[in-house]
């Protein structure tokens, strides 16, 4: 299991509920480095108070079985989410390999 550190900022005066869904994909910022992308291992729901910043540490699983681990590589959020059901690293790799992802 890996960790993703995510900083969220609320620039409004109101508290905001934020959801990071299970399966949310975080990609390696340096494409082509053969480092794995990550997917959130569970749902995360947090309230970000108005005019504040919140840093979360998310449990995450690797999505690319044949690539090296991310090892602290910088990443970024994507618009992608793993839609299949998974409870373990092997479950996630099975989903990804059935979709043709190495």
C-alpha atoms as a PDB file:
ATOM      1  CA  UNK A   1       0.000   0.000   0.000  1.00  0.00           C
ATOM      2  CA  UNK A   2       1.191   3.471  -0.877  1.00  0.00           C
ATOM      3  CA  UNK A   3       0.185   6.942   0.312  1.00  0.00           C
ATOM      4  CA  UNK A   4      -0.958   9.928  -1.732  1.00  0.00           C
ATOM      5  CA  UNK A   5      -0.630  13.337  -0.102  1.00  0.00           C
ATOM      6  CA  UNK A   6      -3.322  15.652  -1.393  1.00  0.00           C
ATOM      7  CA  UNK A   7      -3.723  19.319  -0.458  1.00  0.00           C
ATOM      8  CA  UNK A   8      -7.219  20.777  -0.841  1.00  0.00           C
ATOM      9  CA  UNK A   9      -8.020  24.497  -0.654  1.00  0.00           C
ATOM     10  CA  UNK A  10     -11.354  26.167  -0.032  1.00  0.00           C
ATOM     11  CA  UNK A  11     -11.356  29.778  -1.203  1.00  0.00           C
ATOM     12  CA  UNK A  12     -15.001  30.371  -0.281  1.00  0.00           C
ATOM     13  CA  UNK A  13     -16.445  31.626   2.999  1.00  0.00           C
ATOM     14  CA  UNK A  14     -18.550  28.464   3.421  1.00  0.00           C
ATOM     15  CA  UNK A  15     -17.472  24.994   4.539  1.00  0.00           C
ATOM     16  CA  UNK A  16     -17.249  22.576   1.605  1.00  0.00           C
ATOM     17  CA  UNK A  17     -17.740  18.804   1.624  1.00  0.00           C
ATOM     18  CA  UNK A  18     -15.144  17.063  -0.534  1.00  0.00           C
ATOM     19  CA  UNK A  19     -15.282  13.449  -1.715  1.00  0.00           C
ATOM     20  CA  UNK A  20     -12.287  11.557  -3.048  1.00  0.00           C
ATOM     21  CA  UNK A  21     -13.916   8.338  -4.268  1.00  0.00           C
ATOM     22  CA  UNK A  22     -12.422   4.875  -4.005  1.00  0.00           C
ATOM     23  CA  UNK A  23     -10.651   4.234  -7.295  1.00  0.00           C
ATOM     24  CA  UNK A  24      -9.770   7.897  -7.955  1.00  0.00           C
ATOM     25  CA  UNK A  25      -6.662   7.737 -10.157  1.00  0.00           C
ATOM     26  CA  UNK A  26      -3.535   9.763  -9.457  1.00  0.00           C
ATOM     27  CA  UNK A  27      -1.006   9.729 -12.266  1.00  0.00           C
ATOM     28  CA  UNK A  28       2.728  10.104 -12.142  1.00  0.00           C
ATOM     29  CA  UNK A  29       3.491  13.704 -13.101  1.00  0.00           C
ATOM     30  CA  UNK A  30       6.548  12.612 -15.096  1.00  0.00           C
ATOM     31  CA  UNK A  31       4.976  10.484 -17.829  1.00  0.00           C
ATOM     32  CA  UNK A  32       7.292   7.926 -19.385  1.00  0.00           C
ATOM     33  CA  UNK A  33       9.275   7.171 -16.225  1.00  0.00           C
ATOM     34  CA  UNK A  34       7.805   3.660 -15.904  1.00  0.00           C
ATOM     35  CA  UNK A  35       6.461   4.513 -12.428  1.00  0.00           C
ATOM     36  CA  UNK A  36       3.035   3.228 -11.446  1.00  0.00           C
ATOM     37  CA  UNK A  37      -0.068   5.357 -11.181  1.00  0.00           C
ATOM     38  CA  UNK A  38      -2.126   5.010  -8.006  1.00  0.00           C
ATOM     39  CA  UNK A  39      -5.817   4.613  -7.152  1.00  0.00           C
ATOM     40  CA  UNK A  40      -7.447   5.583  -3.847  1.00  0.00           C
ATOM     41  CA  UNK A  41      -8.028   2.438  -1.777  1.00  0.00           C
ATOM     42  CA  UNK A  42     -11.253   3.728  -0.177  1.00  0.00           C
ATOM     43  CA  UNK A  43     -13.648   6.670  -0.163  1.00  0.00           C
ATOM     44  CA  UNK A  44     -12.542   9.786   1.699  1.00  0.00           C
ATOM     45  CA  UNK A  45     -15.075  12.425   2.771  1.00  0.00           C
ATOM     46  CA  UNK A  46     -13.854  15.572   4.460  1.00  0.00           C
ATOM     47  CA  UNK A  47     -15.202  18.998   5.258  1.00  0.00           C
ATOM     48  CA  UNK A  48     -12.871  21.822   4.306  1.00  0.00           C
ATOM     49  CA  UNK A  49     -13.640  24.884   6.431  1.00  0.00           C
ATOM     50  CA  UNK A  50     -14.119  28.198   4.648  1.00  0.00           C
ATOM     51  CA  UNK A  51     -10.947  30.049   3.699  1.00  0.00           C
ATOM     52  CA  UNK A  52      -8.686  27.167   4.654  1.00  0.00           C
ATOM     53  CA  UNK A  53      -6.392  24.476   3.329  1.00  0.00           C
ATOM     54  CA  UNK A  54      -6.406  20.816   4.329  1.00  0.00           C
ATOM     55  CA  UNK A  55      -3.795  18.157   3.619  1.00  0.00           C
ATOM     56  CA  UNK A  56      -4.947  14.534   3.393  1.00  0.00           C
ATOM     57  CA  UNK A  57      -2.891  11.383   3.313  1.00  0.00           C
ATOM     58  CA  UNK A  58      -4.784   8.751   1.316  1.00  0.00           C
ATOM     59  CA  UNK A  59      -4.164   5.013   1.192  1.00  0.00           C
ATOM     60  CA  UNK A  60      -3.625   4.032  -2.425  1.00  0.00           C
ATOM     61  CA  UNK A  61      -2.919   0.970  -4.547  1.00  0.00           C
ATOM     62  CA  UNK A  62      -0.818   0.664  -7.697  1.00  0.00           C
ATOM     63  CA  UNK A  63      -2.565   0.381 -11.057  1.00  0.00           C
ATOM     64  CA  UNK A  64       0.276  -0.816 -13.322  1.00  0.00           C
ATOM     65  CA  UNK A  65       1.611  -4.183 -12.177  1.00  0.00           C
ATOM     66  CA  UNK A  66       4.590  -4.284 -14.557  1.00  0.00           C
ATOM     67  CA  UNK A  67       5.970  -0.846 -13.637  1.00  0.00           C
ATOM     68  CA  UNK A  68       8.117   0.262 -10.695  1.00  0.00           C
ATOM     69  CA  UNK A  69       6.508   1.670  -7.558  1.00  0.00           C
ATOM     70  CA  UNK A  70       6.027   5.447  -7.411  1.00  0.00           C
ATOM     71  CA  UNK A  71       8.592   5.883  -4.589  1.00  0.00           C
ATOM     72  CA  UNK A  72       7.676   9.463  -3.744  1.00  0.00           C
ATOM     73  CA  UNK A  73       7.355  10.618  -7.340  1.00  0.00           C
ATOM     74  CA  UNK A  74       5.250  13.767  -7.735  1.00  0.00           C
ATOM     75  CA  UNK A  75       1.779  13.147  -9.110  1.00  0.00           C
ATOM     76  CA  UNK A  76      -1.469  14.827 -10.057  1.00  0.00           C
ATOM     77  CA  UNK A  77      -5.152  14.044  -9.916  1.00  0.00           C
ATOM     78  CA  UNK A  78      -6.935  12.857 -13.038  1.00  0.00           C
ATOM     79  CA  UNK A  79     -10.529  12.716 -14.228  1.00  0.00           C
ATOM     80  CA  UNK A  80     -10.352   8.924 -14.105  1.00  0.00           C
ATOM     81  CA  UNK A  81     -11.740   6.518 -11.527  1.00  0.00           C
ATOM     82  CA  UNK A  82     -11.531   2.727 -11.404  1.00  0.00           C
ATOM     83  CA  UNK A  83     -15.175   1.677 -11.689  1.00  0.00           C
ATOM     84  CA  UNK A  84     -14.697  -2.029 -10.895  1.00  0.00           C
ATOM     85  CA  UNK A  85     -14.970  -3.403  -7.381  1.00  0.00           C
ATOM     86  CA  UNK A  86     -11.661  -4.117  -5.638  1.00  0.00           C
ATOM     87  CA  UNK A  87     -10.623  -4.863  -2.075  1.00  0.00           C
ATOM     88  CA  UNK A  88      -6.939  -5.694  -2.527  1.00  0.00           C
ATOM     89  CA  UNK A  89      -3.928  -4.928  -4.667  1.00  0.00           C
ATOM     90  CA  UNK A  90      -4.419  -8.186  -6.576  1.00  0.00           C
ATOM     91  CA  UNK A  91      -8.106  -7.356  -7.241  1.00  0.00           C
ATOM     92  CA  UNK A  92      -7.076  -4.006  -8.729  1.00  0.00           C
ATOM     93  CA  UNK A  93      -4.356  -5.563 -10.887  1.00  0.00           C
ATOM     94  CA  UNK A  94      -6.880  -8.140 -12.141  1.00  0.00           C
ATOM     95  CA  UNK A  95      -9.251  -5.333 -13.174  1.00  0.00           C
ATOM     96  CA  UNK A  96      -6.473  -3.443 -14.916  1.00  0.00           C
ATOM     97  CA  UNK A  97      -5.087  -6.477 -16.742  1.00  0.00           C
ATOM     98  CA  UNK A  98      -8.572  -7.460 -17.953  1.00  0.00           C
ATOM     99  CA  UNK A  99      -8.795  -3.937 -19.442  1.00  0.00           C
ATOM    100  CA  UNK A 100      -5.497  -4.454 -21.253  1.00  0.00           C
ATOM    101  CA  UNK A 101      -3.414  -2.176 -19.008  1.00  0.00           C
ATOM    102  CA  UNK A 102       0.096  -3.561 -18.315  1.00  0.00           C
END
